[in-house]
Amino acid sequence: MNLLGVLEGILFVVGDEGSTLEEMSRILEISKEEVKELLLQLKENYEKDDRGLRIRYLGNAFKLTTKEEHKPFYQKFLMNQKDHNGLSPSALEVLAIIAYNEPITRAEIDEMRGISSSFTLRKLMAKGLVKESGKSELPGRPNLYRVTSEFLDYFGLATKEDLPDISSFLPKNSEEKSELFTSIYKDEE
């Protein structure tokens, strides 16, 4: 098995969180020194001019990041997405979670959604609808996110208090709650 490719895949999958030497060593079942050698090989590959990624050591973890010199193109791409596309269902879901639960960490958003929100969150930040608003007191001090005034403008809201009351979307009693799960899947007699 090509451990270099597996390592690259791990760094891709962990996204913004990154991975420590200890984690990669445990997962790949090789020593930390061997992991370091693989990281150096990947780093050398990414340093070539024809590559768009690099490996960075940030916040006690190794991460795949885009090259800083390409940033204007990425911003242009993300901004053009707004012109051609409205917000995707996943973007709307992430925005709703942030708006009703801010300040909130990405891990908390992911937990509510059951799927990684890294890419969607980056797109929402590039569009100016979400911003970082400090650090959590949780271990690792992850970033906290909030919606912006541009979010309010985008949805025609004067303040966050103009958001619909979330309780109006929830079932009103326990019978209605159970009906949500049983109405579609009735047992045949």
N, C-alpha and C. Protein backbone atom coordinates (compact mmCIF):
# COMPACT_ATOMS: atom_id res chain seq x y z
N MET A 1 0.84 -1.18 0.00
CA MET A 1 0.00 0.00 0.00
C MET A 1 0.88 1.24 0.00
N ASN A 2 0.48 2.25 -0.75
CA ASN A 2 1.22 3.49 -0.86
C ASN A 2 0.84 4.41 0.32
N LEU A 3 1.68 4.42 1.36
CA LEU A 3 1.40 5.20 2.55
C LEU A 3 1.42 6.71 2.28
N LEU A 4 2.18 7.13 1.28
CA LEU A 4 2.21 8.55 0.92
C LEU A 4 0.83 9.00 0.46
N GLY A 5 0.20 8.19 -0.37
CA GLY A 5 -1.15 8.50 -0.83
C GLY A 5 -2.17 8.45 0.29
N VAL A 6 -2.03 7.48 1.18
CA VAL A 6 -2.94 7.36 2.32
C VAL A 6 -2.80 8.59 3.22
N LEU A 7 -1.58 9.01 3.48
CA LEU A 7 -1.33 10.19 4.31
C LEU A 7 -1.95 11.43 3.69
N GLU A 8 -1.77 11.58 2.38
CA GLU A 8 -2.37 12.72 1.68
C GLU A 8 -3.88 12.69 1.83
N GLY A 9 -4.49 11.51 1.69
CA GLY A 9 -5.93 11.36 1.86
C GLY A 9 -6.38 11.71 3.27
N ILE A 10 -5.61 11.30 4.27
CA ILE A 10 -5.94 11.63 5.66
C ILE A 10 -5.95 13.14 5.85
N LEU A 11 -4.92 13.81 5.35
CA LEU A 11 -4.86 15.27 5.49
C LEU A 11 -6.02 15.95 4.78
N PHE A 12 -6.46 15.38 3.67
CA PHE A 12 -7.61 15.93 2.95
C PHE A 12 -8.89 15.74 3.77
N VAL A 13 -9.07 14.54 4.29
CA VAL A 13 -10.30 14.19 5.02
C VAL A 13 -10.44 15.00 6.31
N VAL A 14 -9.35 15.20 7.04
CA VAL A 14 -9.45 15.92 8.31
C VAL A 14 -9.65 17.42 8.10
N GLY A 15 -9.39 17.92 6.91
CA GLY A 15 -9.68 19.32 6.58
C GLY A 15 -9.04 20.32 7.52
N ASP A 16 -9.84 21.28 7.95
CA ASP A 16 -9.35 22.39 8.78
C ASP A 16 -8.81 21.95 10.13
N GLU A 17 -9.26 20.82 10.61
CA GLU A 17 -8.81 20.36 11.93
C GLU A 17 -7.36 19.91 11.91
N GLY A 18 -6.92 19.38 10.78
CA GLY A 18 -5.56 18.88 10.69
C GLY A 18 -5.39 17.59 11.48
N SER A 19 -4.17 17.08 11.50
CA SER A 19 -3.87 15.84 12.21
C SER A 19 -2.48 15.95 12.83
N THR A 20 -2.33 15.38 14.01
CA THR A 20 -1.05 15.41 14.70
C THR A 20 -0.18 14.24 14.26
N LEU A 21 1.11 14.35 14.54
CA LEU A 21 2.03 13.25 14.25
C LEU A 21 1.56 11.97 14.95
N GLU A 22 1.12 12.12 16.19
CA GLU A 22 0.68 10.96 16.97
C GLU A 22 -0.51 10.27 16.30
N GLU A 23 -1.49 11.05 15.85
CA GLU A 23 -2.66 10.47 15.18
C GLU A 23 -2.27 9.75 13.90
N MET A 24 -1.46 10.42 13.08
CA MET A 24 -1.07 9.81 11.81
C MET A 24 -0.23 8.56 12.04
N SER A 25 0.64 8.59 13.04
CA SER A 25 1.47 7.43 13.36
C SER A 25 0.58 6.25 13.77
N ARG A 26 -0.41 6.53 14.61
CA ARG A 26 -1.31 5.48 15.08
C ARG A 26 -2.15 4.91 13.94
N ILE A 27 -2.68 5.77 13.10
CA ILE A 27 -3.55 5.34 12.00
C ILE A 27 -2.77 4.56 10.95
N LEU A 28 -1.59 5.06 10.59
CA LEU A 28 -0.78 4.41 9.56
C LEU A 28 0.02 3.22 10.10
N GLU A 29 0.05 3.12 11.44
CA GLU A 29 0.79 2.04 12.10
C GLU A 29 2.27 2.06 11.75
N ILE A 30 2.83 3.29 11.79
CA ILE A 30 4.27 3.48 11.56
C ILE A 30 4.77 4.47 12.61
N SER A 31 6.08 4.59 12.73
CA SER A 31 6.66 5.49 13.74
C SER A 31 6.45 6.96 13.34
N LYS A 32 6.60 7.83 14.33
CA LYS A 32 6.50 9.27 14.07
C LYS A 32 7.58 9.72 13.09
N GLU A 33 8.75 9.12 13.20
CA GLU A 33 9.84 9.47 12.28
C GLU A 33 9.47 9.13 10.84
N GLU A 34 8.82 7.97 10.64
CA GLU A 34 8.39 7.58 9.30
C GLU A 34 7.31 8.53 8.78
N VAL A 35 6.43 8.97 9.69
CA VAL A 35 5.40 9.94 9.30
C VAL A 35 6.07 11.24 8.86
N LYS A 36 7.07 11.69 9.63
CA LYS A 36 7.80 12.91 9.28
C LYS A 36 8.42 12.81 7.89
N GLU A 37 9.01 11.65 7.59
CA GLU A 37 9.62 11.45 6.27
C GLU A 37 8.57 11.55 5.17
N LEU A 38 7.40 10.93 5.39
CA LEU A 38 6.32 11.00 4.40
C LEU A 38 5.83 12.44 4.24
N LEU A 39 5.70 13.15 5.36
CA LEU A 39 5.26 14.55 5.30
C LEU A 39 6.25 15.40 4.51
N LEU A 40 7.54 15.15 4.70
CA LEU A 40 8.56 15.89 3.95
C LEU A 40 8.47 15.60 2.45
N GLN A 41 8.21 14.34 2.10
CA GLN A 41 8.05 13.99 0.68
C GLN A 41 6.84 14.72 0.08
N LEU A 42 5.72 14.70 0.81
CA LEU A 42 4.53 15.41 0.33
C LEU A 42 4.80 16.90 0.21
N LYS A 43 5.46 17.45 1.22
CA LYS A 43 5.76 18.88 1.22
C LYS A 43 6.60 19.26 0.00
N GLU A 44 7.60 18.45 -0.31
CA GLU A 44 8.44 18.72 -1.49
C GLU A 44 7.61 18.67 -2.77
N ASN A 45 6.68 17.71 -2.87
CA ASN A 45 5.81 17.63 -4.05
C ASN A 45 4.94 18.89 -4.17
N TYR A 46 4.41 19.34 -3.05
CA TYR A 46 3.51 20.50 -3.07
C TYR A 46 4.24 21.82 -3.29
N GLU A 47 5.53 21.87 -3.06
CA GLU A 47 6.26 23.12 -3.23
C GLU A 47 6.50 23.47 -4.70
N LYS A 48 6.23 22.54 -5.59
CA LYS A 48 6.41 22.80 -7.03
C LYS A 48 5.39 23.85 -7.48
N ASP A 49 5.79 24.63 -8.48
CA ASP A 49 4.94 25.72 -8.98
C ASP A 49 3.62 25.24 -9.56
N ASP A 50 3.58 24.00 -10.04
CA ASP A 50 2.36 23.53 -10.68
C ASP A 50 1.37 22.89 -9.68
N ARG A 51 1.57 23.10 -8.41
CA ARG A 51 0.69 22.55 -7.39
C ARG A 51 -0.05 23.69 -6.68
N GLY A 52 -1.29 23.43 -6.28
CA GLY A 52 -2.09 24.46 -5.64
C GLY A 52 -2.21 24.32 -4.13
N LEU A 53 -1.63 23.25 -3.59
CA LEU A 53 -1.72 23.01 -2.16
C LEU A 53 -0.36 23.04 -1.51
N ARG A 54 -0.37 23.12 -0.18
CA ARG A 54 0.86 23.00 0.60
C ARG A 54 0.51 22.37 1.93
N ILE A 55 1.50 21.86 2.61
CA ILE A 55 1.31 21.31 3.95
C ILE A 55 1.82 22.35 4.94
N ARG A 56 0.99 22.65 5.92
CA ARG A 56 1.36 23.63 6.95
C ARG A 56 1.23 22.99 8.32
N TYR A 57 2.04 23.45 9.24
CA TYR A 57 1.95 23.02 10.62
C TYR A 57 1.35 24.19 11.39
N LEU A 58 0.08 24.07 11.73
CA LEU A 58 -0.64 25.15 12.39
C LEU A 58 -1.42 24.58 13.57
N GLY A 59 -1.34 25.25 14.71
CA GLY A 59 -2.12 24.83 15.86
C GLY A 59 -1.85 23.40 16.31
N ASN A 60 -0.59 22.99 16.30
CA ASN A 60 -0.18 21.65 16.74
C ASN A 60 -0.67 20.54 15.82
N ALA A 61 -1.00 20.87 14.58
CA ALA A 61 -1.48 19.85 13.64
C ALA A 61 -0.99 20.18 12.23
N PHE A 62 -0.83 19.12 11.44
CA PHE A 62 -0.47 19.29 10.03
C PHE A 62 -1.75 19.40 9.22
N LYS A 63 -1.79 20.35 8.28
CA LYS A 63 -2.98 20.61 7.49
C LYS A 63 -2.61 20.83 6.04
N LEU A 64 -3.53 20.45 5.16
CA LEU A 64 -3.41 20.83 3.76
C LEU A 64 -4.04 22.21 3.63
N THR A 65 -3.34 23.14 3.02
CA THR A 65 -3.89 24.47 2.79
C THR A 65 -3.61 24.87 1.34
N THR A 66 -4.32 25.86 0.89
CA THR A 66 -4.04 26.39 -0.44
C THR A 66 -2.86 27.34 -0.34
N LYS A 67 -2.23 27.58 -1.46
CA LYS A 67 -1.09 28.49 -1.48
C LYS A 67 -1.58 29.93 -1.40
N GLU A 68 -0.91 30.69 -0.55
CA GLU A 68 -1.29 32.07 -0.29
C GLU A 68 -1.28 32.91 -1.58
N GLU A 69 -0.32 32.63 -2.46
CA GLU A 69 -0.21 33.43 -3.68
C GLU A 69 -1.38 33.20 -4.66
N HIS A 70 -2.16 32.16 -4.44
CA HIS A 70 -3.31 31.87 -5.30
C HIS A 70 -4.62 32.44 -4.73
N LYS A 71 -4.56 33.03 -3.55
CA LYS A 71 -5.75 33.50 -2.85
C LYS A 71 -6.67 34.39 -3.70
N PRO A 72 -6.15 35.33 -4.48
CA PRO A 72 -7.06 36.18 -5.27
C PRO A 72 -7.94 35.37 -6.24
N PHE A 73 -7.40 34.28 -6.77
CA PHE A 73 -8.18 33.45 -7.69
C PHE A 73 -9.27 32.69 -6.95
N TYR A 74 -8.95 32.19 -5.75
CA TYR A 74 -9.95 31.46 -4.97
C TYR A 74 -11.09 32.39 -4.55
N GLN A 75 -10.72 33.61 -4.13
CA GLN A 75 -11.75 34.57 -3.74
C GLN A 75 -12.64 34.92 -4.93
N LYS A 76 -12.02 35.12 -6.08
CA LYS A 76 -12.77 35.44 -7.30
C LYS A 76 -13.73 34.30 -7.65
N PHE A 77 -13.24 33.06 -7.54
CA PHE A 77 -14.07 31.89 -7.82
C PHE A 77 -15.27 31.84 -6.88
N LEU A 78 -15.02 31.99 -5.58
CA LEU A 78 -16.10 31.91 -4.61
C LEU A 78 -17.10 33.04 -4.78
N MET A 79 -16.61 34.22 -5.08
CA MET A 79 -17.52 35.35 -5.29
C MET A 79 -18.37 35.15 -6.54
N ASN A 80 -17.80 34.55 -7.59
CA ASN A 80 -18.56 34.29 -8.80
C ASN A 80 -19.63 33.24 -8.55
N GLN A 81 -19.41 32.35 -7.60
CA GLN A 81 -20.41 31.34 -7.28
C GLN A 81 -21.69 32.00 -6.80
N LYS A 82 -21.58 33.09 -6.07
CA LYS A 82 -22.75 33.81 -5.56
C LYS A 82 -23.57 34.37 -6.73
N ASP A 83 -22.87 34.83 -7.77
CA ASP A 83 -23.57 35.42 -8.91
C ASP A 83 -24.34 34.37 -9.70
N HIS A 84 -23.80 33.16 -9.80
CA HIS A 84 -24.42 32.14 -10.62
C HIS A 84 -25.36 31.24 -9.84
N ASN A 85 -25.12 31.10 -8.57
CA ASN A 85 -25.91 30.19 -7.76
C ASN A 85 -26.46 30.92 -6.55
N GLY A 86 -27.67 30.57 -6.16
CA GLY A 86 -28.16 31.01 -4.87
C GLY A 86 -27.45 30.17 -3.82
N LEU A 87 -27.96 30.20 -2.65
CA LEU A 87 -27.36 29.38 -1.60
C LEU A 87 -27.87 27.96 -1.70
N SER A 88 -26.97 27.02 -1.60
CA SER A 88 -27.32 25.61 -1.66
C SER A 88 -28.09 25.22 -0.40
N PRO A 89 -28.79 24.09 -0.44
CA PRO A 89 -29.47 23.63 0.77
C PRO A 89 -28.51 23.45 1.95
N SER A 90 -27.30 22.95 1.68
CA SER A 90 -26.34 22.77 2.77
C SER A 90 -25.90 24.13 3.33
N ALA A 91 -25.73 25.13 2.47
CA ALA A 91 -25.35 26.46 2.93
C ALA A 91 -26.47 27.06 3.78
N LEU A 92 -27.72 26.89 3.35
CA LEU A 92 -28.85 27.39 4.13
C LEU A 92 -28.93 26.69 5.49
N GLU A 93 -28.66 25.39 5.49
CA GLU A 93 -28.68 24.64 6.74
C GLU A 93 -27.61 25.15 7.70
N VAL A 94 -26.40 25.35 7.20
CA VAL A 94 -25.31 25.85 8.05
C VAL A 94 -25.63 27.25 8.54
N LEU A 95 -26.15 28.10 7.67
CA LEU A 95 -26.53 29.46 8.09
C LEU A 95 -27.58 29.44 9.19
N ALA A 96 -28.57 28.59 9.05
CA ALA A 96 -29.62 28.50 10.07
C ALA A 96 -29.05 28.03 11.40
N ILE A 97 -28.19 27.03 11.34
CA ILE A 97 -27.58 26.52 12.58
C ILE A 97 -26.78 27.63 13.26
N ILE A 98 -26.01 28.37 12.49
CA ILE A 98 -25.20 29.45 13.08
C ILE A 98 -26.11 30.55 13.61
N ALA A 99 -27.07 30.99 12.81
CA ALA A 99 -27.93 32.10 13.21
C ALA A 99 -28.69 31.81 14.51
N TYR A 100 -29.17 30.60 14.67
CA TYR A 100 -29.96 30.26 15.86
C TYR A 100 -29.11 29.80 17.04
N ASN A 101 -27.82 29.54 16.83
CA ASN A 101 -27.00 29.00 17.91
C ASN A 101 -25.71 29.77 18.15
N GLU A 102 -25.55 30.92 17.52
CA GLU A 102 -24.28 31.62 17.62
C GLU A 102 -24.02 32.11 19.03
N PRO A 103 -22.74 32.23 19.41
CA PRO A 103 -21.56 31.79 18.67
C PRO A 103 -21.44 30.27 18.76
N ILE A 104 -20.92 29.66 17.71
CA ILE A 104 -20.87 28.21 17.62
C ILE A 104 -19.59 27.78 16.91
N THR A 105 -19.06 26.62 17.28
CA THR A 105 -17.84 26.11 16.64
C THR A 105 -18.21 25.25 15.43
N ARG A 106 -17.24 25.03 14.56
CA ARG A 106 -17.49 24.18 13.40
C ARG A 106 -17.82 22.76 13.83
N ALA A 107 -17.16 22.27 14.87
CA ALA A 107 -17.43 20.91 15.35
C ALA A 107 -18.88 20.78 15.83
N GLU A 108 -19.40 21.82 16.46
CA GLU A 108 -20.79 21.80 16.92
C GLU A 108 -21.74 21.81 15.71
N ILE A 109 -21.40 22.58 14.68
CA ILE A 109 -22.20 22.59 13.46
C ILE A 109 -22.20 21.21 12.83
N ASP A 110 -20.99 20.62 12.72
CA ASP A 110 -20.85 19.28 12.13
C ASP A 110 -21.66 18.25 12.91
N GLU A 111 -21.65 18.37 14.23
CA GLU A 111 -22.39 17.43 15.07
C GLU A 111 -23.90 17.54 14.81
N MET A 112 -24.39 18.75 14.67
CA MET A 112 -25.82 18.94 14.40
C MET A 112 -26.20 18.42 13.02
N ARG A 113 -25.31 18.62 12.05
CA ARG A 113 -25.61 18.20 10.68
C ARG A 113 -25.30 16.73 10.43
N GLY A 114 -24.34 16.20 11.16
CA GLY A 114 -23.92 14.83 10.93
C GLY A 114 -22.98 14.69 9.75
N ILE A 115 -22.40 15.79 9.30
CA ILE A 115 -21.50 15.79 8.16
C ILE A 115 -20.58 17.00 8.28
N SER A 116 -19.40 16.92 7.67
CA SER A 116 -18.45 18.03 7.73
C SER A 116 -19.00 19.27 7.04
N SER A 117 -18.77 20.41 7.67
CA SER A 117 -19.24 21.69 7.14
C SER A 117 -18.10 22.60 6.71
N SER A 118 -16.89 22.08 6.66
CA SER A 118 -15.71 22.92 6.38
C SER A 118 -15.84 23.70 5.08
N PHE A 119 -16.13 23.01 3.99
CA PHE A 119 -16.20 23.67 2.69
C PHE A 119 -17.33 24.69 2.65
N THR A 120 -18.49 24.30 3.15
CA THR A 120 -19.65 25.20 3.15
C THR A 120 -19.36 26.43 4.00
N LEU A 121 -18.75 26.22 5.15
CA LEU A 121 -18.42 27.34 6.04
C LEU A 121 -17.44 28.30 5.36
N ARG A 122 -16.43 27.75 4.67
CA ARG A 122 -15.47 28.61 3.95
C ARG A 122 -16.18 29.43 2.87
N LYS A 123 -17.11 28.80 2.14
CA LYS A 123 -17.84 29.52 1.10
C LYS A 123 -18.69 30.63 1.70
N LEU A 124 -19.34 30.34 2.83
CA LEU A 124 -20.18 31.35 3.48
C LEU A 124 -19.33 32.51 4.01
N MET A 125 -18.13 32.21 4.48
CA MET A 125 -17.23 33.27 4.94
C MET A 125 -16.76 34.10 3.75
N ALA A 126 -16.43 33.45 2.64
CA ALA A 126 -15.98 34.17 1.45
C ALA A 126 -17.09 35.07 0.90
N LYS A 127 -18.33 34.64 1.06
CA LYS A 127 -19.47 35.46 0.62
C LYS A 127 -19.83 36.54 1.62
N GLY A 128 -19.16 36.53 2.78
CA GLY A 128 -19.39 37.56 3.78
C GLY A 128 -20.63 37.33 4.63
N LEU A 129 -21.21 36.15 4.61
CA LEU A 129 -22.42 35.87 5.37
C LEU A 129 -22.12 35.36 6.78
N VAL A 130 -20.90 34.85 6.99
CA VAL A 130 -20.47 34.31 8.28
C VAL A 130 -19.09 34.86 8.59
N LYS A 131 -18.81 35.05 9.86
CA LYS A 131 -17.49 35.53 10.26
C LYS A 131 -17.02 34.79 11.51
N GLU A 132 -15.69 34.76 11.69
CA GLU A 132 -15.11 34.26 12.93
C GLU A 132 -15.34 35.33 13.99
N SER A 133 -15.68 34.87 15.21
CA SER A 133 -15.95 35.85 16.26
C SER A 133 -15.28 35.48 17.57
N GLY A 134 -14.05 35.02 17.48
CA GLY A 134 -13.31 34.70 18.69
C GLY A 134 -13.00 33.22 18.79
N LYS A 135 -12.56 32.84 19.98
CA LYS A 135 -12.17 31.45 20.26
C LYS A 135 -13.03 30.90 21.38
N SER A 136 -13.36 29.62 21.25
CA SER A 136 -14.12 28.92 22.28
C SER A 136 -13.20 28.57 23.44
N GLU A 137 -13.77 28.32 24.59
CA GLU A 137 -13.00 27.87 25.75
C GLU A 137 -12.83 26.35 25.73
N LEU A 138 -13.39 25.67 24.73
CA LEU A 138 -13.27 24.22 24.61
C LEU A 138 -11.81 23.85 24.35
N PRO A 139 -11.43 22.60 24.63
CA PRO A 139 -10.05 22.18 24.35
C PRO A 139 -9.68 22.43 22.89
N GLY A 140 -8.47 22.94 22.69
CA GLY A 140 -8.01 23.26 21.35
C GLY A 140 -8.41 24.67 20.93
N ARG A 141 -9.26 25.31 21.71
CA ARG A 141 -9.73 26.68 21.46
C ARG A 141 -10.17 26.90 20.01
N PRO A 142 -11.18 26.12 19.56
CA PRO A 142 -11.64 26.28 18.17
C PRO A 142 -12.30 27.64 17.94
N ASN A 143 -12.33 28.04 16.68
CA ASN A 143 -12.96 29.31 16.31
C ASN A 143 -14.45 29.26 16.57
N LEU A 144 -15.00 30.42 16.91
CA LEU A 144 -16.45 30.59 17.03
C LEU A 144 -16.94 31.34 15.80
N TYR A 145 -18.14 31.04 15.35
CA TYR A 145 -18.70 31.67 14.15
C TYR A 145 -20.02 32.34 14.46
N ARG A 146 -20.28 33.44 13.75
CA ARG A 146 -21.52 34.21 13.84
C ARG A 146 -21.93 34.63 12.43
N VAL A 147 -23.19 34.97 12.27
CA VAL A 147 -23.63 35.54 11.01
C VAL A 147 -23.26 37.02 11.01
N THR A 148 -23.21 37.61 9.83
CA THR A 148 -22.78 39.01 9.67
C THR A 148 -23.97 39.91 9.34
N SER A 149 -23.70 41.19 9.26
CA SER A 149 -24.74 42.12 8.84
C SER A 149 -25.12 41.87 7.38
N GLU A 150 -24.17 41.36 6.57
CA GLU A 150 -24.48 41.00 5.19
C GLU A 150 -25.51 39.86 5.15
N PHE A 151 -25.44 38.95 6.12
CA PHE A 151 -26.45 37.89 6.25
C PHE A 151 -27.82 38.51 6.44
N LEU A 152 -27.89 39.49 7.33
CA LEU A 152 -29.17 40.17 7.58
C LEU A 152 -29.68 40.84 6.31
N ASP A 153 -28.78 41.53 5.60
CA ASP A 153 -29.15 42.19 4.34
C ASP A 153 -29.63 41.17 3.31
N TYR A 154 -28.90 40.08 3.18
CA TYR A 154 -29.21 39.05 2.19
C TYR A 154 -30.63 38.52 2.38
N PHE A 155 -31.04 38.37 3.65
CA PHE A 155 -32.36 37.82 3.94
C PHE A 155 -33.40 38.89 4.28
N GLY A 156 -33.04 40.17 4.12
CA GLY A 156 -33.97 41.26 4.35
C GLY A 156 -34.39 41.41 5.80
N LEU A 157 -33.46 41.18 6.71
CA LEU A 157 -33.75 41.30 8.14
C LEU A 157 -33.08 42.55 8.70
N ALA A 158 -33.77 43.24 9.60
CA ALA A 158 -33.18 44.41 10.23
C ALA A 158 -32.24 43.99 11.35
N THR A 159 -32.65 43.01 12.14
CA THR A 159 -31.83 42.50 13.23
C THR A 159 -32.02 40.98 13.31
N LYS A 160 -31.20 40.35 14.11
CA LYS A 160 -31.33 38.90 14.29
C LYS A 160 -32.65 38.53 14.96
N GLU A 161 -33.22 39.46 15.72
CA GLU A 161 -34.50 39.21 16.38
C GLU A 161 -35.63 39.05 15.36
N ASP A 162 -35.39 39.46 14.11
CA ASP A 162 -36.40 39.31 13.05
C ASP A 162 -36.43 37.90 12.47
N LEU A 163 -35.50 37.04 12.89
CA LEU A 163 -35.54 35.64 12.44
C LEU A 163 -36.84 35.01 12.93
N PRO A 164 -37.42 34.11 12.14
CA PRO A 164 -38.64 33.43 12.61
C PRO A 164 -38.37 32.68 13.91
N ASP A 165 -39.37 32.63 14.78
CA ASP A 165 -39.25 31.89 16.03
C ASP A 165 -39.10 30.41 15.70
N ILE A 166 -37.99 29.82 16.14
CA ILE A 166 -37.71 28.43 15.79
C ILE A 166 -38.75 27.48 16.37
N SER A 167 -39.38 27.84 17.46
CA SER A 167 -40.38 26.95 18.06
C SER A 167 -41.58 26.75 17.14
N SER A 168 -41.80 27.69 16.21
CA SER A 168 -42.92 27.54 15.28
C SER A 168 -42.68 26.40 14.28
N PHE A 169 -41.43 25.94 14.18
CA PHE A 169 -41.10 24.85 13.26
C PHE A 169 -41.06 23.49 13.96
N LEU A 170 -41.16 23.49 15.29
CA LEU A 170 -41.06 22.26 16.05
C LEU A 170 -42.44 21.69 16.34
N PRO A 171 -42.53 20.36 16.50
CA PRO A 171 -43.81 19.74 16.86
C PRO A 171 -44.31 20.30 18.19
N LYS A 172 -45.64 20.44 18.33
CA LYS A 172 -46.22 21.07 19.51
C LYS A 172 -46.43 20.12 20.68
N ASN A 173 -46.57 18.82 20.40
CA ASN A 173 -46.75 17.88 21.50
C ASN A 173 -46.08 16.55 21.18
N SER A 174 -46.02 15.68 22.17
CA SER A 174 -45.30 14.42 21.98
C SER A 174 -45.98 13.52 20.96
N GLU A 175 -47.32 13.61 20.83
CA GLU A 175 -48.02 12.79 19.84
C GLU A 175 -47.59 13.20 18.43
N GLU A 176 -47.46 14.51 18.23
CA GLU A 176 -47.04 15.02 16.93
C GLU A 176 -45.59 14.62 16.64
N LYS A 177 -44.74 14.60 17.69
CA LYS A 177 -43.36 14.19 17.52
C LYS A 177 -43.28 12.75 17.03
N SER A 178 -44.03 11.87 17.67
CA SER A 178 -43.97 10.47 17.25
C SER A 178 -44.58 10.28 15.88
N GLU A 179 -45.55 11.10 15.52
CA GLU A 179 -46.19 11.00 14.22
C GLU A 179 -45.19 11.30 13.10
N LEU A 180 -44.20 12.17 13.36
CA LEU A 180 -43.18 12.47 12.35
C LEU A 180 -42.43 11.22 11.94
N PHE A 181 -42.23 10.30 12.87
CA PHE A 181 -41.46 9.10 12.59
C PHE A 181 -42.31 7.94 12.11
N THR A 182 -43.56 7.91 12.49
CA THR A 182 -44.39 6.75 12.18
C THR A 182 -45.30 6.94 10.99
N SER A 183 -45.60 8.17 10.62
CA SER A 183 -46.59 8.40 9.57
C SER A 183 -46.15 7.85 8.22
N ILE A 184 -44.90 7.94 7.90
CA ILE A 184 -44.42 7.48 6.60
C ILE A 184 -44.23 5.97 6.57
N TYR A 185 -43.83 5.41 7.69
CA TYR A 185 -43.45 4.00 7.75
C TYR A 185 -44.46 3.18 8.57
N LYS A 186 -45.68 3.12 8.12
CA LYS A 186 -46.70 2.34 8.85
C LYS A 186 -46.51 0.87 8.53
N ASP A 187 -46.70 0.04 9.54
CA ASP A 187 -46.60 -1.40 9.35
C ASP A 187 -47.80 -1.87 8.55
N GLU A 188 -47.54 -2.77 7.65
CA GLU A 188 -48.65 -3.36 6.89
C GLU A 188 -49.28 -4.45 7.73
N GLU A 189 -50.61 -4.54 7.70
CA GLU A 189 -51.30 -5.53 8.51
C GLU A 189 -51.63 -6.75 7.73
